[in-house]
Amino acid sequence: MTGSPLVQVPFVQVSNISRVFDVSRPWLERLTQRLPRQFLVAAANISFSIDRRETFGLVGESGSGKSTIARMVVGLIAPSGGDVVIDGTSMTDRAHLARRQKVRQRIQMVFQDPYSSLNPRWRAFDIIAEPIRAFRLCDSTTAITARVGELLHLVGLDQADGRKFPHEFSGGQRQRIAIARALSSQPEFIVCDEPTSALDVSVQAQVLNLMRDLQDRFGLTYLLISHNLAVVRHMASRVGVMYLGRIVEIAPSKELFRNPRHPYTRMLLEAVPRLDPDRRHREPIEGEIPNPLDPPKGCSFHPRCPHANERCRLEEPRLAKADLSAVSCHAVEERRI
């Protein structure tokens, strides 16, 4: 008698998480001016999974909700609905409080701006050593000093750099310090919120290559948030495309760049500048993201979509399997594109 094949459980499972912000005017002002309350849906029913040692990329224009999702996944913002499960532990269920505290040590985040994510009053040594002290990973000052020196060397800096303040480093060096701080708690899962967008192109490549080397060395799992398609193509094995708080397409990275299915994904790829002469017709992205306080009915992309019909204007599409991708589009479902 043969046993059933083992099913690999995703290391990170995001299930229908949403986030709604109350952006209403103060109560007295609403009362005197008879204004209604206003709510902003930053993320709506977002679902995806990440396997161990995988890099999952989230891309989209500014204002699409990528950073909100990143903060919900690491627990900086509580979701309005849905659940985030990391290594079998729910990060939203209060009944799992003790287990959540242990899992939190295994999660870290690298923020977008290295100029504001580091405490300007702390030396680099104290910035990197803070998680080590907080989680009591070393039992002596000598051990902490040795560990910080090891981490600085790991990210391409010198142990003597630990005596410097953040303003004494370049942007790329600051992001290396941020990465060293993230590694100091010995994490397994790191959320990277546009980690190279504030850096020069040459420095971006160095930081991205460092992140890949660290992933191979320590078996890290990444959630990579970016609006730079070149970065995502270099780093991610699977990609989710976001538009106005919703995921419109999820696909393996090679498949997404070879055969994009959703009209918005196609337009994003068409907007990438190319150095080689290309005479074929391109479809530029027209218009801008609608006001999230007053989103369009039906498909949120239909005001900008060249394939929209009456159904798109009335009915919201759902994420459905389409070959190797999952796509949220009526035109793809009806095989019009």
C-alpha atoms as a PDB file:
ATOM      1  CA  MET A   1       0.000   0.000   0.000  1.00  0.00           C
ATOM      2  CA  THR A   2       1.498   3.305  -1.098  1.00  0.00           C
ATOM      3  CA  GLY A   3       1.074   6.461   0.916  1.00  0.00           C
ATOM      4  CA  SER A   4      -0.418   9.626  -0.508  1.00  0.00           C
ATOM      5  CA  PRO A   5       2.117  12.187  -1.804  1.00  0.00           C
ATOM      6  CA  LEU A   6       3.093  14.909   0.623  1.00  0.00           C
ATOM      7  CA  VAL A   7       1.598  18.313  -0.137  1.00  0.00           C
ATOM      8  CA  GLN A   8       3.961  21.200   0.474  1.00  0.00           C
ATOM      9  CA  VAL A   9       2.359  23.810   2.733  1.00  0.00           C
ATOM     10  CA  PRO A  10       3.304  27.409   1.845  1.00  0.00           C
ATOM     11  CA  PHE A  11       5.545  29.119   4.367  1.00  0.00           C
ATOM     12  CA  VAL A  12       3.465  32.319   4.078  1.00  0.00           C
ATOM     13  CA  GLN A  13      -0.261  32.157   3.305  1.00  0.00           C
ATOM     14  CA  VAL A  14      -2.171  35.420   2.843  1.00  0.00           C
ATOM     15  CA  SER A  15      -5.926  34.807   2.689  1.00  0.00           C
ATOM     16  CA  ASN A  16      -8.430  37.503   1.697  1.00  0.00           C
ATOM     17  CA  ILE A  17      -6.815  40.275   3.719  1.00  0.00           C
ATOM     18  CA  SER A  18      -8.354  43.728   3.437  1.00  0.00           C
ATOM     19  CA  ARG A  19      -7.626  47.095   4.953  1.00  0.00           C
ATOM     20  CA  VAL A  20     -10.077  49.974   5.218  1.00  0.00           C
ATOM     21  CA  PHE A  21      -9.010  53.363   6.598  1.00  0.00           C
ATOM     22  CA  ASP A  22     -11.468  55.861   8.062  1.00  0.00           C
ATOM     23  CA  VAL A  23     -10.458  59.187   6.470  1.00  0.00           C
ATOM     24  CA  SER A  24     -13.536  61.118   7.572  1.00  0.00           C
ATOM     25  CA  ARG A  25     -13.448  64.719   8.678  1.00  0.00           C
ATOM     26  CA  PRO A  26     -13.581  65.363  12.456  1.00  0.00           C
ATOM     27  CA  TRP A  27     -16.947  64.626  14.041  1.00  0.00           C
ATOM     28  CA  LEU A  28     -17.874  68.257  14.778  1.00  0.00           C
ATOM     29  CA  GLU A  29     -16.999  69.364  11.248  1.00  0.00           C
ATOM     30  CA  ARG A  30     -19.113  66.559   9.788  1.00  0.00           C
ATOM     31  CA  LEU A  31     -21.986  67.512  12.047  1.00  0.00           C
ATOM     32  CA  THR A  32     -21.962  71.240  11.223  1.00  0.00           C
ATOM     33  CA  GLN A  33     -21.406  70.782   7.495  1.00  0.00           C
ATOM     34  CA  ARG A  34     -23.526  67.624   7.196  1.00  0.00           C
ATOM     35  CA  LEU A  35     -20.692  65.656   5.650  1.00  0.00           C
ATOM     36  CA  PRO A  36     -20.792  61.855   5.372  1.00  0.00           C
ATOM     37  CA  ARG A  37     -18.063  59.590   6.712  1.00  0.00           C
ATOM     38  CA  GLN A  38     -15.423  58.561   4.171  1.00  0.00           C
ATOM     39  CA  PHE A  39     -13.577  55.256   3.960  1.00  0.00           C
ATOM     40  CA  LEU A  40     -10.567  54.373   1.844  1.00  0.00           C
ATOM     41  CA  VAL A  41     -10.166  50.750   0.766  1.00  0.00           C
ATOM     42  CA  ALA A  42      -6.378  50.371   0.574  1.00  0.00           C
ATOM     43  CA  ALA A  43      -6.497  46.591   0.001  1.00  0.00           C
ATOM     44  CA  ALA A  44      -9.435  44.340  -0.857  1.00  0.00           C
ATOM     45  CA  ASN A  45      -9.477  40.538  -0.564  1.00  0.00           C
ATOM     46  CA  ILE A  46      -5.785  39.984  -1.276  1.00  0.00           C
ATOM     47  CA  SER A  47      -4.653  36.351  -1.408  1.00  0.00           C
ATOM     48  CA  PHE A  48      -1.297  34.809  -2.298  1.00  0.00           C
ATOM     49  CA  SER A  49       1.196  32.311  -0.926  1.00  0.00           C
ATOM     50  CA  ILE A  50       4.989  32.148  -0.693  1.00  0.00           C
ATOM     51  CA  ASP A  51       6.982  28.924  -0.458  1.00  0.00           C
ATOM     52  CA  ARG A  52      10.152  28.564   1.573  1.00  0.00           C
ATOM     53  CA  ARG A  53      13.231  30.145  -0.037  1.00  0.00           C
ATOM     54  CA  GLU A  54      11.033  31.774  -2.678  1.00  0.00           C
ATOM     55  CA  THR A  55      10.908  35.432  -3.696  1.00  0.00           C
ATOM     56  CA  PHE A  56       7.388  36.666  -4.406  1.00  0.00           C
ATOM     57  CA  GLY A  57       7.171  40.088  -6.040  1.00  0.00           C
ATOM     58  CA  LEU A  58       4.331  42.607  -5.826  1.00  0.00           C
ATOM     59  CA  VAL A  59       4.313  45.321  -8.498  1.00  0.00           C
ATOM     60  CA  GLY A  60       2.032  48.185  -9.422  1.00  0.00           C
ATOM     61  CA  GLU A  61       1.830  51.942  -9.726  1.00  0.00           C
ATOM     62  CA  SER A  62       2.152  54.225  -6.710  1.00  0.00           C
ATOM     63  CA  GLY A  63      -1.039  54.170  -4.677  1.00  0.00           C
ATOM     64  CA  SER A  64      -1.988  50.596  -5.573  1.00  0.00           C
ATOM     65  CA  GLY A  65      -1.683  49.353  -1.972  1.00  0.00           C
ATOM     66  CA  LYS A  66       1.620  47.452  -2.090  1.00  0.00           C
ATOM     67  CA  SER A  67       3.153  49.000   1.034  1.00  0.00           C
ATOM     68  CA  THR A  68      -0.094  48.556   2.987  1.00  0.00           C
ATOM     69  CA  ILE A  69       0.050  44.826   2.259  1.00  0.00           C
ATOM     70  CA  ALA A  70       3.700  44.680   3.310  1.00  0.00           C
ATOM     71  CA  ARG A  71       2.882  46.277   6.648  1.00  0.00           C
ATOM     72  CA  MET A  72      -0.079  43.961   7.232  1.00  0.00           C
ATOM     73  CA  VAL A  73       2.031  40.876   6.525  1.00  0.00           C
ATOM     74  CA  VAL A  74       4.673  41.824   9.119  1.00  0.00           C
ATOM     75  CA  GLY A  75       2.078  42.973  11.631  1.00  0.00           C
ATOM     76  CA  LEU A  76       2.709  46.734  11.624  1.00  0.00           C
ATOM     77  CA  ILE A  77      -0.911  47.277  10.522  1.00  0.00           C
ATOM     78  CA  ALA A  78      -3.796  45.050  11.550  1.00  0.00           C
ATOM     79  CA  PRO A  79      -5.945  43.882   8.610  1.00  0.00           C
ATOM     80  CA  SER A  80      -9.620  44.829   8.617  1.00  0.00           C
ATOM     81  CA  GLY A  81     -10.402  41.291   7.475  1.00  0.00           C
ATOM     82  CA  GLY A  82      -8.728  38.084   6.380  1.00  0.00           C
ATOM     83  CA  ASP A  83      -5.751  36.243   7.807  1.00  0.00           C
ATOM     84  CA  VAL A  84      -1.979  35.956   7.469  1.00  0.00           C
ATOM     85  CA  VAL A  85      -0.520  32.556   8.358  1.00  0.00           C
ATOM     86  CA  ILE A  86       3.258  32.181   8.660  1.00  0.00           C
ATOM     87  CA  ASP A  87       4.666  28.694   9.143  1.00  0.00           C
ATOM     88  CA  GLY A  88       1.288  27.452  10.355  1.00  0.00           C
ATOM     89  CA  THR A  89       0.720  30.269  12.865  1.00  0.00           C
ATOM     90  CA  SER A  90      -2.057  32.812  12.383  1.00  0.00           C
ATOM     91  CA  MET A  91      -0.741  36.347  12.863  1.00  0.00           C
ATOM     92  CA  THR A  92      -4.223  37.776  13.407  1.00  0.00           C
ATOM     93  CA  ASP A  93      -5.819  35.214  15.742  1.00  0.00           C
ATOM     94  CA  ARG A  94      -5.469  36.406  19.345  1.00  0.00           C
ATOM     95  CA  ALA A  95      -5.654  32.831  20.587  1.00  0.00           C
ATOM     96  CA  HIS A  96      -2.169  32.233  19.094  1.00  0.00           C
ATOM     97  CA  LEU A  97      -0.497  35.087  20.974  1.00  0.00           C
ATOM     98  CA  ALA A  98       2.349  33.033  22.476  1.00  0.00           C
ATOM     99  CA  ARG A  99       3.145  31.350  19.167  1.00  0.00           C
ATOM    100  CA  ARG A 100       2.937  34.690  17.347  1.00  0.00           C
ATOM    101  CA  GLN A 101       5.637  36.159  19.577  1.00  0.00           C
ATOM    102  CA  LYS A 102       8.030  33.367  18.588  1.00  0.00           C
ATOM    103  CA  VAL A 103       7.207  33.753  14.899  1.00  0.00           C
ATOM    104  CA  ARG A 104       7.768  37.522  14.997  1.00  0.00           C
ATOM    105  CA  GLN A 105      11.464  36.958  15.678  1.00  0.00           C
ATOM    106  CA  ARG A 106      11.678  35.153  12.355  1.00  0.00           C
ATOM    107  CA  ILE A 107      10.188  38.104  10.425  1.00  0.00           C
ATOM    108  CA  GLN A 108      12.000  41.297   9.478  1.00  0.00           C
ATOM    109  CA  MET A 109      11.468  44.213   7.113  1.00  0.00           C
ATOM    110  CA  VAL A 110      13.744  46.363   4.964  1.00  0.00           C
ATOM    111  CA  PHE A 111      12.159  49.749   4.335  1.00  0.00           C
ATOM    112  CA  GLN A 112      12.183  51.892   1.235  1.00  0.00           C
ATOM    113  CA  ASP A 113      14.153  54.932   2.368  1.00  0.00           C
ATOM    114  CA  PRO A 114      17.502  54.234   4.072  1.00  0.00           C
ATOM    115  CA  TYR A 115      17.717  57.932   4.975  1.00  0.00           C
ATOM    116  CA  SER A 116      14.707  57.761   7.302  1.00  0.00           C
ATOM    117  CA  SER A 117      14.613  54.101   8.414  1.00  0.00           C
ATOM    118  CA  LEU A 118      17.747  54.390  10.578  1.00  0.00           C
ATOM    119  CA  ASN A 119      17.853  56.294  13.854  1.00  0.00           C
ATOM    120  CA  PRO A 120      20.116  59.317  13.170  1.00  0.00           C
ATOM    121  CA  ARG A 121      21.174  59.486  16.849  1.00  0.00           C
ATOM    122  CA  TRP A 122      22.425  55.912  17.013  1.00  0.00           C
ATOM    123  CA  ARG A 123      25.708  54.562  15.741  1.00  0.00           C
ATOM    124  CA  ALA A 124      25.565  51.750  13.196  1.00  0.00           C
ATOM    125  CA  PHE A 125      26.712  49.281  15.868  1.00  0.00           C
ATOM    126  CA  ASP A 126      23.724  50.052  18.128  1.00  0.00           C
ATOM    127  CA  ILE A 127      21.281  49.948  15.210  1.00  0.00           C
ATOM    128  CA  ILE A 128      22.381  46.439  14.246  1.00  0.00           C
ATOM    129  CA  ALA A 129      22.714  45.247  17.835  1.00  0.00           C
ATOM    130  CA  GLU A 130      19.204  46.330  18.892  1.00  0.00           C
ATOM    131  CA  PRO A 131      17.375  43.156  17.658  1.00  0.00           C
ATOM    132  CA  ILE A 132      20.107  40.976  19.176  1.00  0.00           C
ATOM    133  CA  ARG A 133      19.510  42.580  22.568  1.00  0.00           C
ATOM    134  CA  ALA A 134      15.723  42.641  22.204  1.00  0.00           C
ATOM    135  CA  PHE A 135      15.514  38.921  21.449  1.00  0.00           C
ATOM    136  CA  ARG A 136      18.413  38.064  23.823  1.00  0.00           C
ATOM    137  CA  LEU A 137      20.309  36.175  21.130  1.00  0.00           C
ATOM    138  CA  CYS A 138      23.713  36.796  22.759  1.00  0.00           C
ATOM    139  CA  ASP A 139      24.474  36.654  26.468  1.00  0.00           C
ATOM    140  CA  SER A 140      27.467  38.988  26.665  1.00  0.00           C
ATOM    141  CA  THR A 141      28.743  42.297  25.295  1.00  0.00           C
ATOM    142  CA  THR A 142      31.698  40.507  23.724  1.00  0.00           C
ATOM    143  CA  ALA A 143      29.419  38.131  21.840  1.00  0.00           C
ATOM    144  CA  ILE A 144      27.233  41.025  20.629  1.00  0.00           C
ATOM    145  CA  THR A 145      30.298  42.923  19.398  1.00  0.00           C
ATOM    146  CA  ALA A 146      31.544  39.872  17.507  1.00  0.00           C
ATOM    147  CA  ARG A 147      28.104  39.249  15.970  1.00  0.00           C
ATOM    148  CA  VAL A 148      27.722  42.863  14.793  1.00  0.00           C
ATOM    149  CA  GLY A 149      31.190  42.770  13.259  1.00  0.00           C
ATOM    150  CA  GLU A 150      30.289  39.554  11.457  1.00  0.00           C
ATOM    151  CA  LEU A 151      27.082  41.104  10.076  1.00  0.00           C
ATOM    152  CA  LEU A 152      28.878  44.242   8.897  1.00  0.00           C
ATOM    153  CA  HIS A 153      31.408  42.105   7.055  1.00  0.00           C
ATOM    154  CA  LEU A 154      28.582  40.003   5.613  1.00  0.00           C
ATOM    155  CA  VAL A 155      26.963  43.018   3.931  1.00  0.00           C
ATOM    156  CA  GLY A 156      30.249  44.382   2.588  1.00  0.00           C
ATOM    157  CA  LEU A 157      31.167  46.880   5.320  1.00  0.00           C
ATOM    158  CA  ASP A 158      34.041  47.047   7.803  1.00  0.00           C
ATOM    159  CA  GLN A 159      33.776  46.406  11.520  1.00  0.00           C
ATOM    160  CA  ALA A 160      35.111  49.927  12.139  1.00  0.00           C
ATOM    161  CA  ASP A 161      32.032  51.313  10.374  1.00  0.00           C
ATOM    162  CA  GLY A 162      30.024  50.391  13.446  1.00  0.00           C
ATOM    163  CA  ARG A 163      31.328  53.533  15.179  1.00  0.00           C
ATOM    164  CA  LYS A 164      29.831  55.851  12.532  1.00  0.00           C
ATOM    165  CA  PHE A 165      26.445  57.557  12.521  1.00  0.00           C
ATOM    166  CA  PRO A 166      23.997  57.091   9.600  1.00  0.00           C
ATOM    167  CA  HIS A 167      24.739  60.526   8.098  1.00  0.00           C
ATOM    168  CA  GLU A 168      28.350  59.438   7.529  1.00  0.00           C
ATOM    169  CA  PHE A 169      27.295  56.729   5.048  1.00  0.00           C
ATOM    170  CA  SER A 170      26.124  56.862   1.451  1.00  0.00           C
ATOM    171  CA  GLY A 171      22.624  55.697   0.495  1.00  0.00           C
ATOM    172  CA  GLY A 172      23.813  52.268  -0.575  1.00  0.00           C
ATOM    173  CA  GLN A 173      25.823  51.811   2.620  1.00  0.00           C
ATOM    174  CA  ARG A 174      22.797  52.788   4.713  1.00  0.00           C
ATOM    175  CA  GLN A 175      20.685  50.174   2.993  1.00  0.00           C
ATOM    176  CA  ARG A 176      23.402  47.615   3.707  1.00  0.00           C
ATOM    177  CA  ILE A 177      23.160  48.575   7.387  1.00  0.00           C
ATOM    178  CA  ALA A 178      19.376  48.133   7.189  1.00  0.00           C
ATOM    179  CA  ILE A 179      19.903  44.661   5.718  1.00  0.00           C
ATOM    180  CA  ALA A 180      22.420  43.821   8.454  1.00  0.00           C
ATOM    181  CA  ARG A 181      19.890  44.946  11.067  1.00  0.00           C
ATOM    182  CA  ALA A 182      17.245  42.722   9.452  1.00  0.00           C
ATOM    183  CA  LEU A 183      19.635  39.743   9.526  1.00  0.00           C
ATOM    184  CA  SER A 184      20.673  40.289  13.142  1.00  0.00           C
ATOM    185  CA  SER A 185      17.585  38.509  14.541  1.00  0.00           C
ATOM    186  CA  GLN A 186      18.293  35.443  12.377  1.00  0.00           C
ATOM    187  CA  PRO A 187      15.041  35.752  10.375  1.00  0.00           C
ATOM    188  CA  GLU A 188      13.597  33.315   7.866  1.00  0.00           C
ATOM    189  CA  PHE A 189      11.189  35.735   6.180  1.00  0.00           C
ATOM    190  CA  ILE A 190      12.069  39.290   5.090  1.00  0.00           C
ATOM    191  CA  VAL A 191       9.649  41.800   3.586  1.00  0.00           C
ATOM    192  CA  CYS A 192      11.483  44.246   1.318  1.00  0.00           C
ATOM    193  CA  ASP A 193       9.442  47.395   0.629  1.00  0.00           C
ATOM    194  CA  GLU A 194      11.074  48.968  -2.441  1.00  0.00           C
ATOM    195  CA  PRO A 195      14.568  48.448  -0.979  1.00  0.00           C
ATOM    196  CA  THR A 196      16.429  49.991  -3.945  1.00  0.00           C
ATOM    197  CA  SER A 197      14.088  52.742  -5.212  1.00  0.00           C
ATOM    198  CA  ALA A 198      16.050  55.509  -3.443  1.00  0.00           C
ATOM    199  CA  LEU A 199      19.438  54.303  -4.744  1.00  0.00           C
ATOM    200  CA  ASP A 200      21.493  54.919  -7.873  1.00  0.00           C
ATOM    201  CA  VAL A 201      21.251  52.286 -10.596  1.00  0.00           C
ATOM    202  CA  SER A 202      24.761  50.916 -10.029  1.00  0.00           C
ATOM    203  CA  VAL A 203      24.169  50.716  -6.284  1.00  0.00           C
ATOM    204  CA  GLN A 204      20.794  49.028  -6.875  1.00  0.00           C
ATOM    205  CA  ALA A 205      22.533  46.150  -8.645  1.00  0.00           C
ATOM    206  CA  GLN A 206      24.990  45.716  -5.766  1.00  0.00           C
ATOM    207  CA  VAL A 207      22.216  45.614  -3.151  1.00  0.00           C
ATOM    208  CA  LEU A 208      20.071  43.211  -5.189  1.00  0.00           C
ATOM    209  CA  ASN A 209      22.992  40.848  -5.760  1.00  0.00           C
ATOM    210  CA  LEU A 210      23.746  40.995  -2.029  1.00  0.00           C
ATOM    211  CA  MET A 211      20.134  40.060  -1.255  1.00  0.00           C
ATOM    212  CA  ARG A 212      20.280  37.073  -3.626  1.00  0.00           C
ATOM    213  CA  ASP A 213      23.565  35.880  -2.130  1.00  0.00           C
ATOM    214  CA  LEU A 214      22.112  36.124   1.382  1.00  0.00           C
ATOM    215  CA  GLN A 215      19.015  34.227   0.287  1.00  0.00           C
ATOM    216  CA  ASP A 216      21.117  31.379  -1.073  1.00  0.00           C
ATOM    217  CA  ARG A 217      23.338  31.339   2.006  1.00  0.00           C
ATOM    218  CA  PHE A 218      20.656  31.463   4.710  1.00  0.00           C
ATOM    219  CA  GLY A 219      17.628  30.024   2.890  1.00  0.00           C
ATOM    220  CA  LEU A 220      15.625  33.248   3.224  1.00  0.00           C
ATOM    221  CA  THR A 221      12.094  33.827   1.982  1.00  0.00           C
ATOM    222  CA  TYR A 222      11.372  37.257   0.460  1.00  0.00           C
ATOM    223  CA  LEU A 223       8.278  39.328  -0.209  1.00  0.00           C
ATOM    224  CA  LEU A 224       9.585  41.994  -2.590  1.00  0.00           C
ATOM    225  CA  ILE A 225       7.531  45.160  -3.091  1.00  0.00           C
ATOM    226  CA  SER A 226       8.528  47.257  -6.098  1.00  0.00           C
ATOM    227  CA  HIS A 227       7.281  49.370  -8.966  1.00  0.00           C
ATOM    228  CA  ASN A 228      10.462  48.619 -10.921  1.00  0.00           C
ATOM    229  CA  LEU A 229       9.780  45.723 -13.291  1.00  0.00           C
ATOM    230  CA  ALA A 230      13.492  45.170 -13.954  1.00  0.00           C
ATOM    231  CA  VAL A 231      14.107  44.597 -10.230  1.00  0.00           C
ATOM    232  CA  VAL A 232      11.209  42.160  -9.982  1.00  0.00           C
ATOM    233  CA  ARG A 233      12.324  40.259 -13.073  1.00  0.00           C
ATOM    234  CA  HIS A 234      15.822  39.885 -11.609  1.00  0.00           C
ATOM    235  CA  MET A 235      14.694  38.797  -8.144  1.00  0.00           C
ATOM    236  CA  ALA A 236      11.259  37.146  -8.116  1.00  0.00           C
ATOM    237  CA  SER A 237      10.200  33.641  -9.089  1.00  0.00           C
ATOM    238  CA  ARG A 238       6.498  34.594  -8.997  1.00  0.00           C
ATOM    239  CA  VAL A 239       4.867  37.993  -9.397  1.00  0.00           C
ATOM    240  CA  GLY A 240       1.564  39.526  -8.338  1.00  0.00           C
ATOM    241  CA  VAL A 241       0.376  42.657 -10.164  1.00  0.00           C
ATOM    242  CA  MET A 242      -1.696  45.132  -8.137  1.00  0.00           C
ATOM    243  CA  TYR A 243      -4.092  47.841  -9.235  1.00  0.00           C
ATOM    244  CA  LEU A 244      -6.137  50.069  -6.919  1.00  0.00           C
ATOM    245  CA  GLY A 245      -5.937  47.749  -3.920  1.00  0.00           C
ATOM    246  CA  ARG A 246      -6.544  44.487  -5.788  1.00  0.00           C
ATOM    247  CA  ILE A 247      -4.394  41.800  -7.361  1.00  0.00           C
ATOM    248  CA  VAL A 248      -5.230  41.571 -11.065  1.00  0.00           C
ATOM    249  CA  GLU A 249      -2.711  38.892 -12.081  1.00  0.00           C
ATOM    250  CA  ILE A 250      -0.396  36.326 -10.474  1.00  0.00           C
ATOM    251  CA  ALA A 251       2.031  34.334 -12.597  1.00  0.00           C
ATOM    252  CA  PRO A 252       5.519  32.827 -12.622  1.00  0.00           C
ATOM    253  CA  SER A 253       8.000  35.570 -13.418  1.00  0.00           C
ATOM    254  CA  LYS A 254       9.109  34.121 -16.767  1.00  0.00           C
ATOM    255  CA  GLU A 255       5.521  33.587 -17.868  1.00  0.00           C
ATOM    256  CA  LEU A 256       4.452  37.078 -16.824  1.00  0.00           C
ATOM    257  CA  PHE A 257       7.171  38.797 -18.838  1.00  0.00           C
ATOM    258  CA  ARG A 258       6.796  36.428 -21.805  1.00  0.00           C
ATOM    259  CA  ASN A 259       3.008  36.307 -21.978  1.00  0.00           C
ATOM    260  CA  PRO A 260       1.201  38.899 -19.811  1.00  0.00           C
ATOM    261  CA  ARG A 261      -2.541  38.247 -19.710  1.00  0.00           C
ATOM    262  CA  HIS A 262      -4.199  41.193 -17.960  1.00  0.00           C
ATOM    263  CA  PRO A 263      -4.450  44.455 -19.987  1.00  0.00           C
ATOM    264  CA  TYR A 264      -2.909  46.409 -17.126  1.00  0.00           C
ATOM    265  CA  THR A 265       0.090  44.059 -16.953  1.00  0.00           C
ATOM    266  CA  ARG A 266       0.548  44.419 -20.703  1.00  0.00           C
ATOM    267  CA  MET A 267       0.486  48.195 -20.458  1.00  0.00           C
ATOM    268  CA  LEU A 268       3.004  48.170 -17.607  1.00  0.00           C
ATOM    269  CA  LEU A 269       5.427  46.120 -19.704  1.00  0.00           C
ATOM    270  CA  GLU A 270       4.847  48.293 -22.770  1.00  0.00           C
ATOM    271  CA  ALA A 271       5.790  51.362 -20.715  1.00  0.00           C
ATOM    272  CA  VAL A 272       9.286  50.021 -19.940  1.00  0.00           C
ATOM    273  CA  PRO A 273      11.869  52.042 -21.931  1.00  0.00           C
ATOM    274  CA  ARG A 274      13.936  50.035 -24.420  1.00  0.00           C
ATOM    275  CA  LEU A 275      17.306  50.918 -25.875  1.00  0.00           C
ATOM    276  CA  ASP A 276      16.948  48.746 -28.972  1.00  0.00           C
ATOM    277  CA  PRO A 277      14.883  50.153 -31.894  1.00  0.00           C
ATOM    278  CA  ASP A 278      11.418  48.650 -31.782  1.00  0.00           C
ATOM    279  CA  ARG A 279       8.977  49.672 -34.490  1.00  0.00           C
ATOM    280  CA  ARG A 280       6.002  47.654 -33.342  1.00  0.00           C
ATOM    281  CA  HIS A 281       3.003  49.542 -32.038  1.00  0.00           C
ATOM    282  CA  ARG A 282       2.862  50.088 -28.284  1.00  0.00           C
ATOM    283  CA  GLU A 283      -0.192  50.802 -26.191  1.00  0.00           C
ATOM    284  CA  PRO A 284       0.668  53.578 -23.729  1.00  0.00           C
ATOM    285  CA  ILE A 285      -1.029  53.676 -20.346  1.00  0.00           C
ATOM    286  CA  GLU A 286      -3.648  56.393 -20.628  1.00  0.00           C
ATOM    287  CA  GLY A 287      -5.155  58.231 -17.688  1.00  0.00           C
ATOM    288  CA  GLU A 288      -4.240  57.789 -14.041  1.00  0.00           C
ATOM    289  CA  ILE A 289      -5.330  55.635 -11.120  1.00  0.00           C
ATOM    290  CA  PRO A 290      -8.845  56.719 -10.090  1.00  0.00           C
ATOM    291  CA  ASN A 291      -9.491  58.386  -6.751  1.00  0.00           C
ATOM    292  CA  PRO A 292      -9.460  55.513  -4.213  1.00  0.00           C
ATOM    293  CA  LEU A 293     -12.134  57.360  -2.215  1.00  0.00           C
ATOM    294  CA  ASP A 294     -14.454  57.071  -5.218  1.00  0.00           C
ATOM    295  CA  PRO A 295     -13.398  53.970  -7.194  1.00  0.00           C
ATOM    296  CA  PRO A 296     -15.243  53.081 -10.406  1.00  0.00           C
ATOM    297  CA  LYS A 297     -17.943  50.421 -10.358  1.00  0.00           C
ATOM    298  CA  GLY A 298     -17.287  47.022 -11.876  1.00  0.00           C
ATOM    299  CA  CYS A 299     -13.676  46.434 -12.900  1.00  0.00           C
ATOM    300  CA  SER A 300     -11.535  49.177 -11.363  1.00  0.00           C
ATOM    301  CA  PHE A 301      -9.351  49.258 -14.497  1.00  0.00           C
ATOM    302  CA  HIS A 302     -12.169  49.684 -17.033  1.00  0.00           C
ATOM    303  CA  PRO A 303     -11.828  53.504 -17.433  1.00  0.00           C
ATOM    304  CA  ARG A 304      -8.300  52.955 -18.803  1.00  0.00           C
ATOM    305  CA  CYS A 305      -8.780  49.607 -20.537  1.00  0.00           C
ATOM    306  CA  PRO A 306      -9.083  49.434 -24.362  1.00  0.00           C
ATOM    307  CA  HIS A 307     -10.950  46.093 -24.094  1.00  0.00           C
ATOM    308  CA  ALA A 308     -13.663  47.162 -21.618  1.00  0.00           C
ATOM    309  CA  ASN A 309     -17.320  46.417 -22.386  1.00  0.00           C
ATOM    310  CA  GLU A 310     -20.598  46.878 -20.528  1.00  0.00           C
ATOM    311  CA  ARG A 311     -19.966  43.884 -18.264  1.00  0.00           C
ATOM    312  CA  CYS A 312     -16.627  45.380 -17.197  1.00  0.00           C
ATOM    313  CA  ARG A 313     -18.413  48.590 -16.174  1.00  0.00           C
ATOM    314  CA  LEU A 314     -20.978  46.790 -14.031  1.00  0.00           C
ATOM    315  CA  GLU A 315     -19.480  43.557 -12.657  1.00  0.00           C
ATOM    316  CA  GLU A 316     -16.301  43.217 -10.623  1.00  0.00           C
ATOM    317  CA  PRO A 317     -14.115  40.373 -11.992  1.00  0.00           C
ATOM    318  CA  ARG A 318     -12.674  37.674  -9.758  1.00  0.00           C
ATOM    319  CA  LEU A 319      -9.199  36.181  -9.793  1.00  0.00           C
ATOM    320  CA  ALA A 320      -9.475  32.976 -11.819  1.00  0.00           C
ATOM    321  CA  LYS A 321      -6.995  30.434 -13.176  1.00  0.00           C
ATOM    322  CA  ALA A 322      -5.928  31.052 -16.787  1.00  0.00           C
ATOM    323  CA  ASP A 323      -3.216  28.658 -18.038  1.00  0.00           C
ATOM    324  CA  LEU A 324      -0.140  29.272 -15.838  1.00  0.00           C
ATOM    325  CA  SER A 325      -1.547  32.541 -14.499  1.00  0.00           C
ATOM    326  CA  ALA A 326      -4.408  33.662 -12.288  1.00  0.00           C
ATOM    327  CA  VAL A 327      -6.115  36.679 -13.870  1.00  0.00           C
ATOM    328  CA  SER A 328      -8.915  38.996 -12.784  1.00  0.00           C
ATOM    329  CA  CYS A 329     -10.346  40.104 -16.139  1.00  0.00           C
ATOM    330  CA  HIS A 330     -13.642  39.587 -17.973  1.00  0.00           C
ATOM    331  CA  ALA A 331     -11.938  39.996 -21.371  1.00  0.00           C
ATOM    332  CA  VAL A 332      -9.513  37.150 -20.591  1.00  0.00           C
ATOM    333  CA  GLU A 333     -12.329  34.979 -19.236  1.00  0.00           C
ATOM    334  CA  GLU A 334     -14.405  35.575 -22.389  1.00  0.00           C
ATOM    335  CA  ARG A 335     -11.321  35.035 -24.591  1.00  0.00           C
ATOM    336  CA  ARG A 336     -11.662  38.466 -26.161  1.00  0.00           C
ATOM    337  CA  ILE A 337      -7.916  38.960 -25.611  1.00  0.00           C
END
